[in-house]
Amino acid sequence: MAIMQVKEVTYCYTSGKPVLKGVNMTLEAGKVYVILGPSGCGKTTLLSLMGGLDIPSGGQILFNNQDIAQIGLGVHRRKDVAFIFQNYNLIDYMTPKENVELTAVSDPVSMLRQVGLTDNEMKRSVLKLSGGQQQRVAIARALASEAPVILADEPTGNLDEQTSAEITRLLKEKARNFHKCVVIVSHSKEVANQSDQVFRLCDGKISVFNQEQHSEEV
């Protein structure tokens, strides 16, 4: 059963330039989805619309068969979705542990260890961490949340190959074991190959890749 649906969604910039042209997606809990596409094609815009950070020019986004506009975008952002942003969006005067505690329903220390932070790094201000370490904190914050949908914008972009593989495994495990829906915007062939379904966004339209396609063409 679908947990989220994107139905005929369109979006235009203030200049009038169309970015999304009737996008349709059906997403289920317990699965990992990857959205691929060239830079500037609207992948991050689509993720923002799904998370209630922006309003589509046309169409609907449904969560549990209810339009998120009717749920209330603030309520949707607070209860239904957890974000992993490219720019981290951490509270810079807090430590990693304190950042994760804001959303955690599980032990923040355990989650931070799982994404590769040491006990010493957990106690520093996030401003004293590298970009890769801050990305790990942002991932831990989303993973520790009870939100049923995780929306991740290039979550492994600042990580080395080994850490990237481990983070992808954690996201997949979270989807399976906690029945979450994970949607990832990525350019990574490895991330795409570990997903349940791959969408390709190009020229405002979205299409589904099968396993053979995304293993060869990503």
C-alpha atoms as a PDB file:
ATOM      1  CA  MET A   1       0.000   0.000   0.000  1.00  0.00           C
ATOM      2  CA  ALA A   2       1.301   3.454  -0.913  1.00  0.00           C
ATOM      3  CA  ILE A   3       2.515   5.712   1.870  1.00  0.00           C
ATOM      4  CA  MET A   4       3.169   8.641  -0.510  1.00  0.00           C
ATOM      5  CA  GLN A   5       1.874   9.492  -3.963  1.00  0.00           C
ATOM      6  CA  VAL A   6       2.930  12.242  -6.318  1.00  0.00           C
ATOM      7  CA  LYS A   7       0.043  12.864  -8.719  1.00  0.00           C
ATOM      8  CA  GLU A   8       0.441  14.976 -11.864  1.00  0.00           C
ATOM      9  CA  VAL A   9       2.718  17.405 -10.041  1.00  0.00           C
ATOM     10  CA  THR A  10       3.945  20.439 -11.946  1.00  0.00           C
ATOM     11  CA  TYR A  11       6.261  23.189 -10.794  1.00  0.00           C
ATOM     12  CA  CYS A  12       7.419  26.443 -12.374  1.00  0.00           C
ATOM     13  CA  TYR A  13      10.083  28.899 -11.286  1.00  0.00           C
ATOM     14  CA  THR A  14       8.985  32.486 -10.665  1.00  0.00           C
ATOM     15  CA  SER A  15      10.302  33.265 -14.145  1.00  0.00           C
ATOM     16  CA  GLY A  16       7.636  30.939 -15.509  1.00  0.00           C
ATOM     17  CA  LYS A  17      10.124  28.281 -16.611  1.00  0.00           C
ATOM     18  CA  PRO A  18       8.611  24.804 -16.063  1.00  0.00           C
ATOM     19  CA  VAL A  19      10.704  22.412 -13.970  1.00  0.00           C
ATOM     20  CA  LEU A  20       8.323  19.517 -13.353  1.00  0.00           C
ATOM     21  CA  LYS A  21       5.761  18.542 -15.964  1.00  0.00           C
ATOM     22  CA  GLY A  22       3.138  16.162 -14.614  1.00  0.00           C
ATOM     23  CA  VAL A  23       5.277  13.938 -12.366  1.00  0.00           C
ATOM     24  CA  ASN A  24       3.682  10.756 -11.005  1.00  0.00           C
ATOM     25  CA  MET A  25       5.213   8.468  -8.354  1.00  0.00           C
ATOM     26  CA  THR A  26       3.860   5.839  -5.988  1.00  0.00           C
ATOM     27  CA  LEU A  27       6.017   5.058  -2.957  1.00  0.00           C
ATOM     28  CA  GLU A  28       5.614   2.273  -0.404  1.00  0.00           C
ATOM     29  CA  ALA A  29       6.836   1.840   3.163  1.00  0.00           C
ATOM     30  CA  GLY A  30       9.685  -0.603   3.647  1.00  0.00           C
ATOM     31  CA  LYS A  31      11.388   0.345   0.378  1.00  0.00           C
ATOM     32  CA  VAL A  32      14.302   2.474  -0.810  1.00  0.00           C
ATOM     33  CA  TYR A  33      13.839   4.640  -3.910  1.00  0.00           C
ATOM     34  CA  VAL A  34      16.488   6.566  -5.817  1.00  0.00           C
ATOM     35  CA  ILE A  35      15.847   9.555  -8.092  1.00  0.00           C
ATOM     36  CA  LEU A  36      18.505  10.090 -10.763  1.00  0.00           C
ATOM     37  CA  GLY A  37      18.881  12.837 -13.327  1.00  0.00           C
ATOM     38  CA  PRO A  38      21.229  15.510 -14.621  1.00  0.00           C
ATOM     39  CA  SER A  39      22.129  18.519 -12.473  1.00  0.00           C
ATOM     40  CA  GLY A  40      19.440  21.187 -12.498  1.00  0.00           C
ATOM     41  CA  CYS A  41      16.665  18.863 -13.668  1.00  0.00           C
ATOM     42  CA  GLY A  42      14.511  19.414 -10.568  1.00  0.00           C
ATOM     43  CA  LYS A  43      15.415  16.457  -8.322  1.00  0.00           C
ATOM     44  CA  THR A  44      15.903  18.601  -5.213  1.00  0.00           C
ATOM     45  CA  THR A  45      12.768  20.594  -6.074  1.00  0.00           C
ATOM     46  CA  LEU A  46      10.751  17.369  -6.225  1.00  0.00           C
ATOM     47  CA  LEU A  47      12.135  16.254  -2.862  1.00  0.00           C
ATOM     48  CA  SER A  48      11.258  19.653  -1.357  1.00  0.00           C
ATOM     49  CA  LEU A  49       7.696  19.382  -2.626  1.00  0.00           C
ATOM     50  CA  MET A  50       7.336  15.880  -1.175  1.00  0.00           C
ATOM     51  CA  GLY A  51       8.558  17.184   2.154  1.00  0.00           C
ATOM     52  CA  GLY A  52       6.208  20.152   2.247  1.00  0.00           C
ATOM     53  CA  LEU A  53       8.992  22.725   1.930  1.00  0.00           C
ATOM     54  CA  ASP A  54       7.387  24.192  -1.177  1.00  0.00           C
ATOM     55  CA  ILE A  55       4.026  24.119  -2.941  1.00  0.00           C
ATOM     56  CA  PRO A  56       3.521  22.582  -6.399  1.00  0.00           C
ATOM     57  CA  SER A  57       2.163  24.734  -9.208  1.00  0.00           C
ATOM     58  CA  GLY A  58      -0.285  21.949  -9.970  1.00  0.00           C
ATOM     59  CA  GLY A  59      -1.160  18.390  -8.933  1.00  0.00           C
ATOM     60  CA  GLN A  60      -1.178  16.754  -5.521  1.00  0.00           C
ATOM     61  CA  ILE A  61       1.164  15.099  -3.074  1.00  0.00           C
ATOM     62  CA  LEU A  62      -0.550  12.571  -0.840  1.00  0.00           C
ATOM     63  CA  PHE A  63       0.596  11.059   2.440  1.00  0.00           C
ATOM     64  CA  ASN A  64      -1.491   8.059   3.499  1.00  0.00           C
ATOM     65  CA  ASN A  65      -4.059   9.081   0.854  1.00  0.00           C
ATOM     66  CA  GLN A  66      -4.436  12.603   2.239  1.00  0.00           C
ATOM     67  CA  ASP A  67      -3.235  15.738   0.462  1.00  0.00           C
ATOM     68  CA  ILE A  68      -0.338  17.163   2.489  1.00  0.00           C
ATOM     69  CA  ALA A  69      -1.811  20.646   1.926  1.00  0.00           C
ATOM     70  CA  GLN A  70      -4.866  19.486   3.890  1.00  0.00           C
ATOM     71  CA  ILE A  71      -2.742  17.844   6.563  1.00  0.00           C
ATOM     72  CA  GLY A  72      -0.876  21.136   6.874  1.00  0.00           C
ATOM     73  CA  LEU A  73       2.632  21.523   5.491  1.00  0.00           C
ATOM     74  CA  GLY A  74       4.073  22.345   8.920  1.00  0.00           C
ATOM     75  CA  VAL A  75       2.478  19.267  10.466  1.00  0.00           C
ATOM     76  CA  HIS A  76       3.689  17.127   7.548  1.00  0.00           C
ATOM     77  CA  ARG A  77       7.261  18.389   7.937  1.00  0.00           C
ATOM     78  CA  ARG A  78       7.197  17.843  11.685  1.00  0.00           C
ATOM     79  CA  LYS A  79       5.564  14.417  11.875  1.00  0.00           C
ATOM     80  CA  ASP A  80       5.715  12.604   8.551  1.00  0.00           C
ATOM     81  CA  VAL A  81       9.144  13.255   7.048  1.00  0.00           C
ATOM     82  CA  ALA A  82      12.791  13.472   8.084  1.00  0.00           C
ATOM     83  CA  PHE A  83      15.240  15.318   5.830  1.00  0.00           C
ATOM     84  CA  ILE A  84      18.880  14.799   5.006  1.00  0.00           C
ATOM     85  CA  PHE A  85      19.908  18.059   3.346  1.00  0.00           C
ATOM     86  CA  GLN A  86      22.936  18.670   1.135  1.00  0.00           C
ATOM     87  CA  ASN A  87      23.889  21.630   3.346  1.00  0.00           C
ATOM     88  CA  TYR A  88      23.293  19.572   6.544  1.00  0.00           C
ATOM     89  CA  ASN A  89      20.964  22.122   8.282  1.00  0.00           C
ATOM     90  CA  LEU A  90      22.481  21.399  11.685  1.00  0.00           C
ATOM     91  CA  ILE A  91      22.210  23.744  14.660  1.00  0.00           C
ATOM     92  CA  ASP A  92      25.762  25.004  14.778  1.00  0.00           C
ATOM     93  CA  TYR A  93      25.994  25.912  18.477  1.00  0.00           C
ATOM     94  CA  MET A  94      25.040  22.354  19.452  1.00  0.00           C
ATOM     95  CA  THR A  95      27.095  19.194  19.532  1.00  0.00           C
ATOM     96  CA  PRO A  96      26.315  16.258  17.222  1.00  0.00           C
ATOM     97  CA  LYS A  97      24.685  14.443  20.145  1.00  0.00           C
ATOM     98  CA  GLU A  98      22.466  17.441  20.918  1.00  0.00           C
ATOM     99  CA  ASN A  99      21.484  17.785  17.233  1.00  0.00           C
ATOM    100  CA  VAL A 100      20.414  14.155  17.027  1.00  0.00           C
ATOM    101  CA  GLU A 101      18.568  14.323  20.366  1.00  0.00           C
ATOM    102  CA  LEU A 102      16.193  16.861  18.797  1.00  0.00           C
ATOM    103  CA  THR A 103      14.541  14.118  16.738  1.00  0.00           C
ATOM    104  CA  ALA A 104      15.737  10.903  18.372  1.00  0.00           C
ATOM    105  CA  VAL A 105      13.415   8.158  19.523  1.00  0.00           C
ATOM    106  CA  SER A 106      16.436   5.892  19.932  1.00  0.00           C
ATOM    107  CA  ASP A 107      19.825   6.355  21.584  1.00  0.00           C
ATOM    108  CA  PRO A 108      21.623   9.218  19.747  1.00  0.00           C
ATOM    109  CA  VAL A 109      25.075   7.967  20.776  1.00  0.00           C
ATOM    110  CA  SER A 110      24.459   4.545  19.265  1.00  0.00           C
ATOM    111  CA  MET A 111      23.187   6.091  16.034  1.00  0.00           C
ATOM    112  CA  LEU A 112      26.153   8.469  15.769  1.00  0.00           C
ATOM    113  CA  ARG A 113      28.523   5.559  16.269  1.00  0.00           C
ATOM    114  CA  GLN A 114      26.762   3.665  13.502  1.00  0.00           C
ATOM    115  CA  VAL A 115      27.453   6.496  11.051  1.00  0.00           C
ATOM    116  CA  GLY A 116      31.110   6.596  12.048  1.00  0.00           C
ATOM    117  CA  LEU A 117      31.522   9.379  14.636  1.00  0.00           C
ATOM    118  CA  THR A 118      33.808   8.847  17.622  1.00  0.00           C
ATOM    119  CA  ASP A 119      32.765   9.657  21.191  1.00  0.00           C
ATOM    120  CA  ASN A 120      35.136  12.645  21.137  1.00  0.00           C
ATOM    121  CA  GLU A 121      33.629  14.016  17.888  1.00  0.00           C
ATOM    122  CA  MET A 122      30.129  13.765  19.372  1.00  0.00           C
ATOM    123  CA  LYS A 123      31.078  16.279  22.066  1.00  0.00           C
ATOM    124  CA  ARG A 124      32.440  18.987  19.735  1.00  0.00           C
ATOM    125  CA  SER A 125      30.515  21.882  18.268  1.00  0.00           C
ATOM    126  CA  VAL A 126      29.389  20.839  14.791  1.00  0.00           C
ATOM    127  CA  LEU A 127      31.294  23.871  13.452  1.00  0.00           C
ATOM    128  CA  LYS A 128      34.505  22.084  14.429  1.00  0.00           C
ATOM    129  CA  LEU A 129      33.643  19.037  12.321  1.00  0.00           C
ATOM    130  CA  SER A 130      34.580  18.442   8.695  1.00  0.00           C
ATOM    131  CA  GLY A 131      31.937  18.477   5.977  1.00  0.00           C
ATOM    132  CA  GLY A 132      31.911  14.689   5.885  1.00  0.00           C
ATOM    133  CA  GLN A 133      31.459  14.500   9.651  1.00  0.00           C
ATOM    134  CA  GLN A 134      28.614  17.020   9.552  1.00  0.00           C
ATOM    135  CA  GLN A 135      26.967  14.931   6.840  1.00  0.00           C
ATOM    136  CA  ARG A 136      27.161  11.904   9.128  1.00  0.00           C
ATOM    137  CA  VAL A 137      25.422  13.889  11.878  1.00  0.00           C
ATOM    138  CA  ALA A 138      22.652  14.941   9.489  1.00  0.00           C
ATOM    139  CA  ILE A 139      22.163  11.310   8.452  1.00  0.00           C
ATOM    140  CA  ALA A 140      22.103  10.134  12.081  1.00  0.00           C
ATOM    141  CA  ARG A 141      19.483  12.779  12.916  1.00  0.00           C
ATOM    142  CA  ALA A 142      17.166  11.507  10.185  1.00  0.00           C
ATOM    143  CA  LEU A 143      17.764   7.847  11.008  1.00  0.00           C
ATOM    144  CA  ALA A 144      16.992   8.452  14.691  1.00  0.00           C
ATOM    145  CA  SER A 145      13.677  10.148  13.905  1.00  0.00           C
ATOM    146  CA  GLU A 146      10.342   8.336  14.143  1.00  0.00           C
ATOM    147  CA  ALA A 147       9.133   9.933  10.880  1.00  0.00           C
ATOM    148  CA  PRO A 148       7.908   7.214   8.475  1.00  0.00           C
ATOM    149  CA  VAL A 149       9.485   8.869   5.400  1.00  0.00           C
ATOM    150  CA  ILE A 150      13.154   9.827   4.982  1.00  0.00           C
ATOM    151  CA  LEU A 151      13.958  12.273   2.163  1.00  0.00           C
ATOM    152  CA  ALA A 152      17.686  12.357   1.428  1.00  0.00           C
ATOM    153  CA  ASP A 153      19.345  14.818  -0.949  1.00  0.00           C
ATOM    154  CA  GLU A 154      22.758  13.394  -1.989  1.00  0.00           C
ATOM    155  CA  PRO A 155      23.306  11.871   1.487  1.00  0.00           C
ATOM    156  CA  THR A 156      26.626  10.241   0.545  1.00  0.00           C
ATOM    157  CA  GLY A 157      27.989  13.073  -1.602  1.00  0.00           C
ATOM    158  CA  ASN A 158      30.686  14.153   0.892  1.00  0.00           C
ATOM    159  CA  LEU A 159      31.620  10.676   2.085  1.00  0.00           C
ATOM    160  CA  ASP A 160      34.321   8.244   1.054  1.00  0.00           C
ATOM    161  CA  GLU A 161      33.358   5.044  -0.763  1.00  0.00           C
ATOM    162  CA  GLN A 162      33.487   2.785   2.295  1.00  0.00           C
ATOM    163  CA  THR A 163      31.432   5.146   4.482  1.00  0.00           C
ATOM    164  CA  SER A 164      29.008   5.728   1.611  1.00  0.00           C
ATOM    165  CA  ALA A 165      28.375   1.989   1.334  1.00  0.00           C
ATOM    166  CA  GLU A 166      27.813   1.729   5.088  1.00  0.00           C
ATOM    167  CA  ILE A 167      25.376   4.678   5.128  1.00  0.00           C
ATOM    168  CA  THR A 168      23.432   3.194   2.224  1.00  0.00           C
ATOM    169  CA  ARG A 169      23.254  -0.110   4.106  1.00  0.00           C
ATOM    170  CA  LEU A 170      21.910   1.719   7.187  1.00  0.00           C
ATOM    171  CA  LEU A 171      19.242   3.510   5.149  1.00  0.00           C
ATOM    172  CA  LYS A 172      18.202   0.218   3.574  1.00  0.00           C
ATOM    173  CA  GLU A 173      18.142  -1.508   6.964  1.00  0.00           C
ATOM    174  CA  LYS A 174      16.024   1.299   8.403  1.00  0.00           C
ATOM    175  CA  ALA A 175      13.525   0.932   5.557  1.00  0.00           C
ATOM    176  CA  ARG A 176      13.263  -2.839   6.008  1.00  0.00           C
ATOM    177  CA  ASN A 177      13.329  -3.191   9.787  1.00  0.00           C
ATOM    178  CA  PHE A 178      11.292  -0.112  10.690  1.00  0.00           C
ATOM    179  CA  HIS A 179       8.978  -0.087   7.656  1.00  0.00           C
ATOM    180  CA  LYS A 180      10.108   3.341   6.497  1.00  0.00           C
ATOM    181  CA  CYS A 181      10.002   4.801   3.013  1.00  0.00           C
ATOM    182  CA  VAL A 182      13.407   6.160   1.991  1.00  0.00           C
ATOM    183  CA  VAL A 183      13.726   8.447  -1.047  1.00  0.00           C
ATOM    184  CA  ILE A 184      17.252   9.352  -2.146  1.00  0.00           C
ATOM    185  CA  VAL A 185      18.399  11.884  -4.722  1.00  0.00           C
ATOM    186  CA  SER A 186      21.786  10.650  -5.896  1.00  0.00           C
ATOM    187  CA  HIS A 187      24.303  10.451  -8.735  1.00  0.00           C
ATOM    188  CA  SER A 188      25.834   7.276  -7.321  1.00  0.00           C
ATOM    189  CA  LYS A 189      25.612   4.038  -9.288  1.00  0.00           C
ATOM    190  CA  GLU A 190      26.330   2.105  -6.093  1.00  0.00           C
ATOM    191  CA  VAL A 191      23.448   3.741  -4.226  1.00  0.00           C
ATOM    192  CA  ALA A 192      21.096   3.154  -7.166  1.00  0.00           C
ATOM    193  CA  ASN A 193      22.073  -0.504  -7.369  1.00  0.00           C
ATOM    194  CA  GLN A 194      21.083  -1.041  -3.729  1.00  0.00           C
ATOM    195  CA  SER A 195      17.633   0.502  -4.114  1.00  0.00           C
ATOM    196  CA  ASP A 196      14.301  -1.220  -4.693  1.00  0.00           C
ATOM    197  CA  GLN A 197      13.329   1.112  -7.521  1.00  0.00           C
ATOM    198  CA  VAL A 198      15.052   3.838  -9.501  1.00  0.00           C
ATOM    199  CA  PHE A 199      13.319   6.815 -11.073  1.00  0.00           C
ATOM    200  CA  ARG A 200      14.969   9.005 -13.693  1.00  0.00           C
ATOM    201  CA  LEU A 201      13.965  12.659 -13.925  1.00  0.00           C
ATOM    202  CA  CYS A 202      14.743  14.378 -17.204  1.00  0.00           C
ATOM    203  CA  ASP A 203      13.192  17.369 -18.970  1.00  0.00           C
ATOM    204  CA  GLY A 204      10.509  17.654 -16.293  1.00  0.00           C
ATOM    205  CA  LYS A 205       9.265  14.085 -16.733  1.00  0.00           C
ATOM    206  CA  ILE A 206       9.913  11.039 -14.577  1.00  0.00           C
ATOM    207  CA  SER A 207      10.311   7.435 -15.678  1.00  0.00           C
ATOM    208  CA  VAL A 208      11.076   4.138 -13.977  1.00  0.00           C
ATOM    209  CA  PHE A 209      14.363   2.311 -14.528  1.00  0.00           C
ATOM    210  CA  ASN A 210      14.415  -1.456 -14.225  1.00  0.00           C
ATOM    211  CA  GLN A 211      17.292  -3.264 -12.500  1.00  0.00           C
ATOM    212  CA  GLU A 212      19.155  -3.976 -15.741  1.00  0.00           C
ATOM    213  CA  GLN A 213      18.933  -0.360 -16.871  1.00  0.00           C
ATOM    214  CA  HIS A 214      20.168   1.293 -13.701  1.00  0.00           C
ATOM    215  CA  SER A 215      23.007  -1.193 -13.251  1.00  0.00           C
ATOM    216  CA  GLU A 216      24.272  -0.322 -16.709  1.00  0.00           C
ATOM    217  CA  GLU A 217      23.237   3.273 -17.388  1.00  0.00           C
ATOM    218  CA  VAL A 218      23.555   5.227 -14.109  1.00  0.00           C
END
